[in-house]
Each structure stands twice: as structure tokens, then as C-alpha cells.
Amino acid sequence: MSTNQHAFFVDVNRCTGCRSCEIACKQENQLGASLRWRRVREMTNEYAGSATMYFLSMACNHCEDPVCVKVCPTQALGQRDDGIVLIDDGKCIGCRYCQWACPYDALEFNSETGRMTKCTMCVQRVDAGQEPACVEGCPTDALQ
């Protein structure tokens, strides 16, 4: 693995739950209404009679050692030298093994194509020296 492993950083203390990252992702990747590669989740922590709430923006973590890549029977999932995990649509058979194996619930089945989809970390933007759309769209810099 390369020493230039790309990853997302989320500062939950800065996230307001505005979902701008979700919208930016959908727009950049032209995702239909049913697909969400990035999700803002509302988390509640109850402890000793008090409760706190925070938001957590989640997408594919582009893991250092991704289990989704290991379980794919057609080798449709692959990892670039910079750590970005991508799906080759031509090889994907939609078996969902990757979805079941991912501990972050990051892969989604596209019922229109019969194939799996996931966050690409806006690879086209990264390759052009830009930040992913979700990062650029975050007004509080909670997502980096």
C-alpha cells in the first residue's frame, strides 16, 4: 500500500447535520433519488440521565485493507495505489457479497443496473488535484 493513502476525516464537533455533503455527492455523481453514497447520521449518546446528540457523515472509508475487495468473486472491486476503492461495472454481477461484508454499510445495490455502487471519493476530482465534492460542499469544514 502506498504511503499516500487517501481517507476522509470527520470532525463531529463541527458537523451541524446540514447534509450539504450528501447533496454535493449526489450532484457530482449524478445519483438518482434512491442512491446515497454519503449519509449523515444522527447519533444520540445517553449516559447517566443526560443525552447528547451529534451528527456523523459516513461514506466508504476506502479502508487500508478493504474486506469488500477480498470477498468479491469477480474481482470487480479493486484498490488503487492511493487507497481509493473502485468498482468495475463491467465485472460486477450484483451478488451483494461486498455489501454484506462491509462493516460500514457503504455499498448500495442499484436496482436499475443490477450492480453495486459506492463512493468513489470523486476520483475524477482527486485525479485533477481537487477535493471530493462532499468535502468541498461542507460549510463548516467538518469533513476533510
N, C-alpha and C. Protein backbone atom coordinates (compact mmCIF):
# COMPACT_ATOMS: atom_id res chain seq x y z
N MET A 1 0.84 -1.19 0.00
CA MET A 1 0.00 0.00 0.00
C MET A 1 0.88 1.24 0.00
N SER A 2 0.43 2.22 -0.68
CA SER A 2 1.14 3.49 -0.81
C SER A 2 1.13 4.26 0.50
N THR A 3 2.11 5.12 0.69
CA THR A 3 2.12 5.99 1.87
C THR A 3 1.17 7.16 1.67
N ASN A 4 0.59 7.29 0.47
CA ASN A 4 -0.35 8.37 0.17
C ASN A 4 -1.78 7.88 0.24
N GLN A 5 -2.12 7.12 1.27
CA GLN A 5 -3.47 6.57 1.44
C GLN A 5 -4.46 7.71 1.66
N HIS A 6 -5.41 7.83 0.75
CA HIS A 6 -6.47 8.83 0.90
C HIS A 6 -7.48 8.33 1.93
N ALA A 7 -8.03 9.25 2.69
CA ALA A 7 -9.05 8.91 3.69
C ALA A 7 -9.87 10.15 4.00
N PHE A 8 -11.07 9.93 4.52
CA PHE A 8 -11.91 11.03 4.97
C PHE A 8 -11.69 11.24 6.46
N PHE A 9 -11.76 12.48 6.89
CA PHE A 9 -11.72 12.84 8.31
C PHE A 9 -13.00 13.60 8.61
N VAL A 10 -13.72 13.19 9.67
CA VAL A 10 -14.95 13.86 10.06
C VAL A 10 -14.78 14.38 11.48
N ASP A 11 -14.95 15.67 11.65
CA ASP A 11 -14.93 16.31 12.97
C ASP A 11 -16.37 16.46 13.42
N VAL A 12 -16.84 15.54 14.27
CA VAL A 12 -18.24 15.56 14.70
C VAL A 12 -18.58 16.80 15.51
N ASN A 13 -17.58 17.47 16.06
CA ASN A 13 -17.82 18.70 16.81
C ASN A 13 -18.19 19.87 15.89
N ARG A 14 -17.84 19.74 14.61
CA ARG A 14 -18.15 20.81 13.65
C ARG A 14 -19.39 20.52 12.80
N CYS A 15 -19.77 19.26 12.70
CA CYS A 15 -20.88 18.87 11.83
C CYS A 15 -22.21 19.32 12.44
N THR A 16 -22.99 20.05 11.64
CA THR A 16 -24.30 20.55 12.10
C THR A 16 -25.45 19.70 11.56
N GLY A 17 -25.15 18.70 10.77
CA GLY A 17 -26.19 17.85 10.20
C GLY A 17 -26.92 18.48 9.02
N CYS A 18 -26.32 19.44 8.37
CA CYS A 18 -26.97 20.18 7.28
C CYS A 18 -27.16 19.35 6.01
N ARG A 19 -26.41 18.29 5.89
CA ARG A 19 -26.46 17.38 4.74
C ARG A 19 -25.96 17.97 3.42
N SER A 20 -25.23 19.06 3.50
CA SER A 20 -24.64 19.64 2.28
C SER A 20 -23.70 18.64 1.61
N CYS A 21 -23.02 17.82 2.38
CA CYS A 21 -22.11 16.82 1.82
C CYS A 21 -22.90 15.78 1.02
N GLU A 22 -24.05 15.39 1.52
CA GLU A 22 -24.90 14.43 0.80
C GLU A 22 -25.34 15.00 -0.55
N ILE A 23 -25.79 16.24 -0.53
CA ILE A 23 -26.28 16.90 -1.74
C ILE A 23 -25.15 17.07 -2.75
N ALA A 24 -23.98 17.51 -2.28
CA ALA A 24 -22.84 17.70 -3.17
C ALA A 24 -22.45 16.38 -3.83
N CYS A 25 -22.48 15.30 -3.07
CA CYS A 25 -22.14 13.96 -3.59
C CYS A 25 -23.15 13.56 -4.66
N LYS A 26 -24.43 13.70 -4.37
CA LYS A 26 -25.47 13.33 -5.32
C LYS A 26 -25.35 14.12 -6.61
N GLN A 27 -25.08 15.41 -6.49
CA GLN A 27 -24.97 16.25 -7.68
C GLN A 27 -23.72 15.90 -8.50
N GLU A 28 -22.59 15.78 -7.84
CA GLU A 28 -21.34 15.49 -8.55
C GLU A 28 -21.40 14.15 -9.28
N ASN A 29 -22.01 13.17 -8.64
CA ASN A 29 -22.01 11.82 -9.20
C ASN A 29 -23.31 11.46 -9.91
N GLN A 30 -24.19 12.44 -10.04
CA GLN A 30 -25.46 12.27 -10.73
C GLN A 30 -26.20 11.02 -10.25
N LEU A 31 -26.34 10.94 -8.93
CA LEU A 31 -27.02 9.79 -8.33
C LEU A 31 -28.53 10.02 -8.36
N GLY A 32 -29.25 8.99 -8.66
CA GLY A 32 -30.71 9.08 -8.65
C GLY A 32 -31.23 9.21 -7.23
N ALA A 33 -32.53 9.31 -7.12
CA ALA A 33 -33.17 9.53 -5.82
C ALA A 33 -32.91 8.41 -4.83
N SER A 34 -32.76 7.19 -5.31
CA SER A 34 -32.64 6.05 -4.40
C SER A 34 -31.21 5.79 -3.90
N LEU A 35 -30.19 6.36 -4.54
CA LEU A 35 -28.81 6.08 -4.15
C LEU A 35 -28.24 7.21 -3.31
N ARG A 36 -27.58 6.83 -2.22
CA ARG A 36 -26.89 7.79 -1.36
C ARG A 36 -25.54 7.20 -0.99
N TRP A 37 -24.48 7.74 -1.57
CA TRP A 37 -23.13 7.25 -1.25
C TRP A 37 -22.62 7.86 0.03
N ARG A 38 -23.13 9.01 0.42
CA ARG A 38 -22.76 9.65 1.68
C ARG A 38 -24.03 9.87 2.46
N ARG A 39 -23.98 9.51 3.76
CA ARG A 39 -25.15 9.66 4.62
C ARG A 39 -24.75 10.37 5.91
N VAL A 40 -25.56 11.33 6.29
CA VAL A 40 -25.37 11.99 7.58
C VAL A 40 -26.30 11.29 8.57
N ARG A 41 -25.71 10.74 9.59
CA ARG A 41 -26.48 10.00 10.60
C ARG A 41 -26.53 10.79 11.89
N GLU A 42 -27.70 10.79 12.49
CA GLU A 42 -27.90 11.44 13.79
C GLU A 42 -27.62 10.42 14.87
N MET A 43 -26.68 10.75 15.73
CA MET A 43 -26.27 9.83 16.78
C MET A 43 -26.67 10.41 18.14
N THR A 44 -27.16 9.57 19.02
CA THR A 44 -27.53 10.00 20.36
C THR A 44 -26.76 9.17 21.37
N ASN A 45 -26.24 9.84 22.37
CA ASN A 45 -25.49 9.18 23.43
C ASN A 45 -26.18 9.49 24.75
N GLU A 46 -26.76 8.48 25.36
CA GLU A 46 -27.41 8.67 26.65
C GLU A 46 -26.52 8.06 27.73
N TYR A 47 -26.25 8.87 28.74
CA TYR A 47 -25.36 8.42 29.81
C TYR A 47 -25.74 9.12 31.11
N ALA A 48 -25.98 8.37 32.13
CA ALA A 48 -26.25 8.89 33.49
C ALA A 48 -27.33 9.97 33.49
N GLY A 49 -28.43 9.69 32.80
CA GLY A 49 -29.55 10.61 32.83
C GLY A 49 -29.47 11.81 31.91
N SER A 50 -28.38 11.95 31.17
CA SER A 50 -28.30 13.06 30.21
C SER A 50 -28.08 12.49 28.81
N ALA A 51 -28.40 13.29 27.84
CA ALA A 51 -28.26 12.82 26.45
C ALA A 51 -27.54 13.89 25.63
N THR A 52 -26.69 13.43 24.75
CA THR A 52 -26.05 14.33 23.80
C THR A 52 -26.34 13.81 22.40
N MET A 53 -26.38 14.71 21.45
CA MET A 53 -26.63 14.34 20.08
C MET A 53 -25.52 14.92 19.21
N TYR A 54 -25.12 14.15 18.23
CA TYR A 54 -24.14 14.64 17.27
C TYR A 54 -24.44 14.00 15.93
N PHE A 55 -23.82 14.51 14.90
CA PHE A 55 -24.02 14.01 13.55
C PHE A 55 -22.73 13.38 13.05
N LEU A 56 -22.88 12.36 12.22
CA LEU A 56 -21.74 11.65 11.67
C LEU A 56 -21.95 11.46 10.17
N SER A 57 -21.10 12.06 9.38
CA SER A 57 -21.16 11.93 7.92
C SER A 57 -20.35 10.70 7.53
N MET A 58 -21.05 9.74 6.91
CA MET A 58 -20.40 8.47 6.56
C MET A 58 -20.50 8.17 5.07
N ALA A 59 -19.46 7.58 4.56
CA ALA A 59 -19.41 7.06 3.19
C ALA A 59 -18.41 5.90 3.22
N CYS A 60 -18.03 5.42 2.08
CA CYS A 60 -16.98 4.40 2.03
C CYS A 60 -15.73 4.98 2.67
N ASN A 61 -15.11 4.20 3.51
CA ASN A 61 -13.89 4.65 4.19
C ASN A 61 -12.63 4.37 3.38
N HIS A 62 -12.78 3.73 2.23
CA HIS A 62 -11.62 3.39 1.40
C HIS A 62 -10.52 2.81 2.31
N CYS A 63 -10.91 1.74 2.98
CA CYS A 63 -10.08 1.10 4.00
C CYS A 63 -8.69 0.73 3.50
N GLU A 64 -7.77 0.67 4.41
CA GLU A 64 -6.41 0.28 4.07
C GLU A 64 -6.36 -1.17 3.57
N ASP A 65 -7.19 -2.01 4.19
CA ASP A 65 -7.27 -3.43 3.82
C ASP A 65 -8.76 -3.77 3.65
N PRO A 66 -9.37 -3.37 2.53
CA PRO A 66 -10.83 -3.46 2.38
C PRO A 66 -11.34 -4.89 2.21
N VAL A 67 -12.23 -5.28 3.11
CA VAL A 67 -12.82 -6.62 3.06
C VAL A 67 -13.71 -6.78 1.84
N CYS A 68 -14.32 -5.69 1.38
CA CYS A 68 -15.19 -5.77 0.19
C CYS A 68 -14.41 -6.27 -1.02
N VAL A 69 -13.18 -5.84 -1.16
CA VAL A 69 -12.33 -6.27 -2.28
C VAL A 69 -12.04 -7.76 -2.16
N LYS A 70 -11.80 -8.22 -0.94
CA LYS A 70 -11.44 -9.62 -0.72
C LYS A 70 -12.58 -10.59 -1.03
N VAL A 71 -13.84 -10.17 -0.75
CA VAL A 71 -14.95 -11.11 -0.92
C VAL A 71 -15.57 -11.10 -2.31
N CYS A 72 -15.19 -10.16 -3.15
CA CYS A 72 -15.80 -10.05 -4.49
C CYS A 72 -15.38 -11.24 -5.36
N PRO A 73 -16.33 -12.07 -5.77
CA PRO A 73 -15.97 -13.27 -6.54
C PRO A 73 -15.51 -12.98 -7.97
N THR A 74 -15.81 -11.80 -8.48
CA THR A 74 -15.44 -11.48 -9.87
C THR A 74 -14.30 -10.48 -9.95
N GLN A 75 -13.77 -10.09 -8.82
CA GLN A 75 -12.70 -9.09 -8.74
C GLN A 75 -13.13 -7.76 -9.37
N ALA A 76 -14.43 -7.45 -9.22
CA ALA A 76 -14.96 -6.18 -9.71
C ALA A 76 -14.49 -5.02 -8.85
N LEU A 77 -14.24 -5.29 -7.60
CA LEU A 77 -13.73 -4.26 -6.69
C LEU A 77 -12.21 -4.31 -6.67
N GLY A 78 -11.63 -3.13 -6.73
CA GLY A 78 -10.18 -3.04 -6.69
C GLY A 78 -9.74 -1.79 -5.97
N GLN A 79 -8.51 -1.78 -5.55
CA GLN A 79 -7.96 -0.65 -4.80
C GLN A 79 -6.77 -0.07 -5.55
N ARG A 80 -6.82 1.23 -5.76
CA ARG A 80 -5.71 1.92 -6.42
C ARG A 80 -4.54 2.06 -5.44
N ASP A 81 -3.40 2.44 -5.96
CA ASP A 81 -2.22 2.62 -5.12
C ASP A 81 -2.42 3.70 -4.06
N ASP A 82 -3.31 4.65 -4.32
CA ASP A 82 -3.56 5.71 -3.33
C ASP A 82 -4.66 5.33 -2.34
N GLY A 83 -5.15 4.10 -2.41
CA GLY A 83 -6.12 3.60 -1.44
C GLY A 83 -7.57 3.71 -1.87
N ILE A 84 -7.87 4.41 -2.94
CA ILE A 84 -9.26 4.58 -3.37
C ILE A 84 -9.78 3.25 -3.91
N VAL A 85 -10.94 2.83 -3.38
CA VAL A 85 -11.57 1.57 -3.77
C VAL A 85 -12.64 1.87 -4.81
N LEU A 86 -12.55 1.18 -5.96
CA LEU A 86 -13.48 1.41 -7.06
C LEU A 86 -14.11 0.10 -7.52
N ILE A 87 -15.27 0.22 -8.17
CA ILE A 87 -15.97 -0.93 -8.74
C ILE A 87 -15.88 -0.86 -10.27
N ASP A 88 -15.53 -1.97 -10.87
CA ASP A 88 -15.54 -2.10 -12.33
C ASP A 88 -16.93 -2.62 -12.71
N ASP A 89 -17.76 -1.74 -13.27
CA ASP A 89 -19.13 -2.11 -13.62
C ASP A 89 -19.19 -3.28 -14.59
N GLY A 90 -18.19 -3.41 -15.42
CA GLY A 90 -18.17 -4.49 -16.39
C GLY A 90 -17.98 -5.86 -15.77
N LYS A 91 -17.43 -5.89 -14.57
CA LYS A 91 -17.18 -7.16 -13.88
C LYS A 91 -18.21 -7.46 -12.79
N CYS A 92 -18.89 -6.44 -12.29
CA CYS A 92 -19.83 -6.62 -11.19
C CYS A 92 -21.06 -7.40 -11.64
N ILE A 93 -21.42 -8.42 -10.86
CA ILE A 93 -22.61 -9.23 -11.17
C ILE A 93 -23.74 -8.95 -10.18
N GLY A 94 -23.53 -8.02 -9.26
CA GLY A 94 -24.59 -7.64 -8.32
C GLY A 94 -24.91 -8.67 -7.27
N CYS A 95 -23.96 -9.49 -6.91
CA CYS A 95 -24.19 -10.56 -5.94
C CYS A 95 -24.35 -10.06 -4.50
N ARG A 96 -23.89 -8.86 -4.25
CA ARG A 96 -24.01 -8.17 -2.94
C ARG A 96 -23.07 -8.71 -1.86
N TYR A 97 -22.13 -9.56 -2.20
CA TYR A 97 -21.20 -10.06 -1.19
C TYR A 97 -20.46 -8.90 -0.53
N CYS A 98 -20.06 -7.92 -1.34
CA CYS A 98 -19.33 -6.77 -0.82
C CYS A 98 -20.19 -5.98 0.17
N GLN A 99 -21.47 -5.84 -0.16
CA GLN A 99 -22.39 -5.11 0.71
C GLN A 99 -22.52 -5.81 2.06
N TRP A 100 -22.64 -7.10 2.05
CA TRP A 100 -22.79 -7.86 3.29
C TRP A 100 -21.51 -7.84 4.11
N ALA A 101 -20.37 -7.81 3.45
CA ALA A 101 -19.09 -7.86 4.16
C ALA A 101 -18.67 -6.51 4.74
N CYS A 102 -19.10 -5.41 4.14
CA CYS A 102 -18.65 -4.09 4.57
C CYS A 102 -19.20 -3.73 5.95
N PRO A 103 -18.33 -3.46 6.91
CA PRO A 103 -18.80 -3.12 8.26
C PRO A 103 -19.37 -1.70 8.36
N TYR A 104 -19.25 -0.91 7.29
CA TYR A 104 -19.70 0.48 7.32
C TYR A 104 -20.96 0.71 6.48
N ASP A 105 -21.53 -0.36 5.94
CA ASP A 105 -22.76 -0.26 5.15
C ASP A 105 -22.58 0.75 4.01
N ALA A 106 -21.44 0.70 3.36
CA ALA A 106 -21.08 1.73 2.38
C ALA A 106 -21.47 1.40 0.94
N LEU A 107 -21.77 0.16 0.65
CA LEU A 107 -22.09 -0.22 -0.73
C LEU A 107 -23.60 -0.33 -0.89
N GLU A 108 -24.08 0.08 -2.07
CA GLU A 108 -25.50 0.04 -2.35
C GLU A 108 -25.77 -0.68 -3.66
N PHE A 109 -26.86 -1.42 -3.68
CA PHE A 109 -27.29 -2.11 -4.89
C PHE A 109 -28.14 -1.15 -5.71
N ASN A 110 -27.78 -1.00 -6.98
CA ASN A 110 -28.56 -0.17 -7.90
C ASN A 110 -29.53 -1.09 -8.63
N SER A 111 -30.80 -1.00 -8.28
CA SER A 111 -31.80 -1.90 -8.87
C SER A 111 -32.00 -1.64 -10.36
N GLU A 112 -31.68 -0.45 -10.83
CA GLU A 112 -31.82 -0.15 -12.25
C GLU A 112 -30.77 -0.85 -13.11
N THR A 113 -29.54 -0.95 -12.58
CA THR A 113 -28.46 -1.57 -13.35
C THR A 113 -28.18 -3.01 -12.93
N GLY A 114 -28.65 -3.39 -11.73
CA GLY A 114 -28.38 -4.73 -11.21
C GLY A 114 -26.96 -4.89 -10.71
N ARG A 115 -26.30 -3.76 -10.44
CA ARG A 115 -24.91 -3.78 -9.99
C ARG A 115 -24.75 -2.99 -8.70
N MET A 116 -23.62 -3.19 -8.06
CA MET A 116 -23.31 -2.47 -6.83
C MET A 116 -22.73 -1.10 -7.15
N THR A 117 -22.94 -0.16 -6.24
CA THR A 117 -22.36 1.18 -6.36
C THR A 117 -21.80 1.58 -5.01
N LYS A 118 -20.92 2.58 -5.04
CA LYS A 118 -20.33 3.07 -3.81
C LYS A 118 -19.62 4.39 -4.05
N CYS A 119 -19.26 5.04 -3.00
CA CYS A 119 -18.47 6.27 -3.07
C CYS A 119 -17.16 5.99 -3.81
N THR A 120 -16.84 6.88 -4.72
CA THR A 120 -15.59 6.76 -5.46
C THR A 120 -14.56 7.78 -4.97
N MET A 121 -14.89 8.48 -3.91
CA MET A 121 -14.08 9.59 -3.39
C MET A 121 -13.88 10.64 -4.48
N CYS A 122 -14.88 10.70 -5.38
CA CYS A 122 -14.81 11.64 -6.51
C CYS A 122 -13.44 11.53 -7.18
N VAL A 123 -13.10 10.32 -7.58
CA VAL A 123 -11.79 10.02 -8.13
C VAL A 123 -11.42 10.97 -9.28
N GLN A 124 -12.41 11.38 -10.05
CA GLN A 124 -12.14 12.31 -11.16
C GLN A 124 -11.65 13.65 -10.62
N ARG A 125 -12.15 14.08 -9.49
CA ARG A 125 -11.72 15.34 -8.87
C ARG A 125 -10.35 15.16 -8.21
N VAL A 126 -10.16 14.05 -7.51
CA VAL A 126 -8.88 13.78 -6.84
C VAL A 126 -7.76 13.73 -7.88
N ASP A 127 -8.02 13.06 -8.99
CA ASP A 127 -7.01 12.96 -10.06
C ASP A 127 -6.69 14.33 -10.66
N ALA A 128 -7.63 15.26 -10.57
CA ALA A 128 -7.42 16.62 -11.09
C ALA A 128 -6.88 17.57 -10.02
N GLY A 129 -6.52 17.01 -8.83
CA GLY A 129 -5.96 17.83 -7.76
C GLY A 129 -7.00 18.56 -6.93
N GLN A 130 -8.26 18.18 -7.04
CA GLN A 130 -9.33 18.81 -6.27
C GLN A 130 -9.77 17.91 -5.12
N GLU A 131 -10.51 18.49 -4.20
CA GLU A 131 -11.09 17.72 -3.10
C GLU A 131 -12.37 17.03 -3.58
N PRO A 132 -12.76 15.93 -2.94
CA PRO A 132 -14.06 15.34 -3.26
C PRO A 132 -15.18 16.37 -3.07
N ALA A 133 -16.27 16.20 -3.82
CA ALA A 133 -17.38 17.15 -3.77
C ALA A 133 -17.96 17.30 -2.37
N CYS A 134 -18.04 16.22 -1.62
CA CYS A 134 -18.61 16.28 -0.27
C CYS A 134 -17.75 17.16 0.64
N VAL A 135 -16.44 17.06 0.49
CA VAL A 135 -15.51 17.86 1.29
C VAL A 135 -15.65 19.33 0.91
N GLU A 136 -15.66 19.59 -0.38
CA GLU A 136 -15.79 20.97 -0.85
C GLU A 136 -17.13 21.58 -0.45
N GLY A 137 -18.17 20.75 -0.38
CA GLY A 137 -19.51 21.23 -0.06
C GLY A 137 -19.79 21.44 1.41
N CYS A 138 -18.89 21.02 2.28
CA CYS A 138 -19.12 21.14 3.73
C CYS A 138 -18.86 22.57 4.19
N PRO A 139 -19.89 23.29 4.65
CA PRO A 139 -19.72 24.69 5.02
C PRO A 139 -18.99 24.92 6.34
N THR A 140 -18.85 23.88 7.17
CA THR A 140 -18.21 24.04 8.47
C THR A 140 -16.82 23.39 8.54
N ASP A 141 -16.36 22.86 7.43
CA ASP A 141 -15.08 22.10 7.38
C ASP A 141 -15.05 20.92 8.33
N ALA A 142 -16.23 20.36 8.59
CA ALA A 142 -16.31 19.17 9.43
C ALA A 142 -15.78 17.95 8.68
N LEU A 143 -15.93 17.99 7.37
CA LEU A 143 -15.50 16.89 6.52
C LEU A 143 -14.25 17.31 5.77
N GLN A 144 -13.20 16.53 5.94
CA GLN A 144 -11.92 16.83 5.29
C GLN A 144 -11.35 15.58 4.69
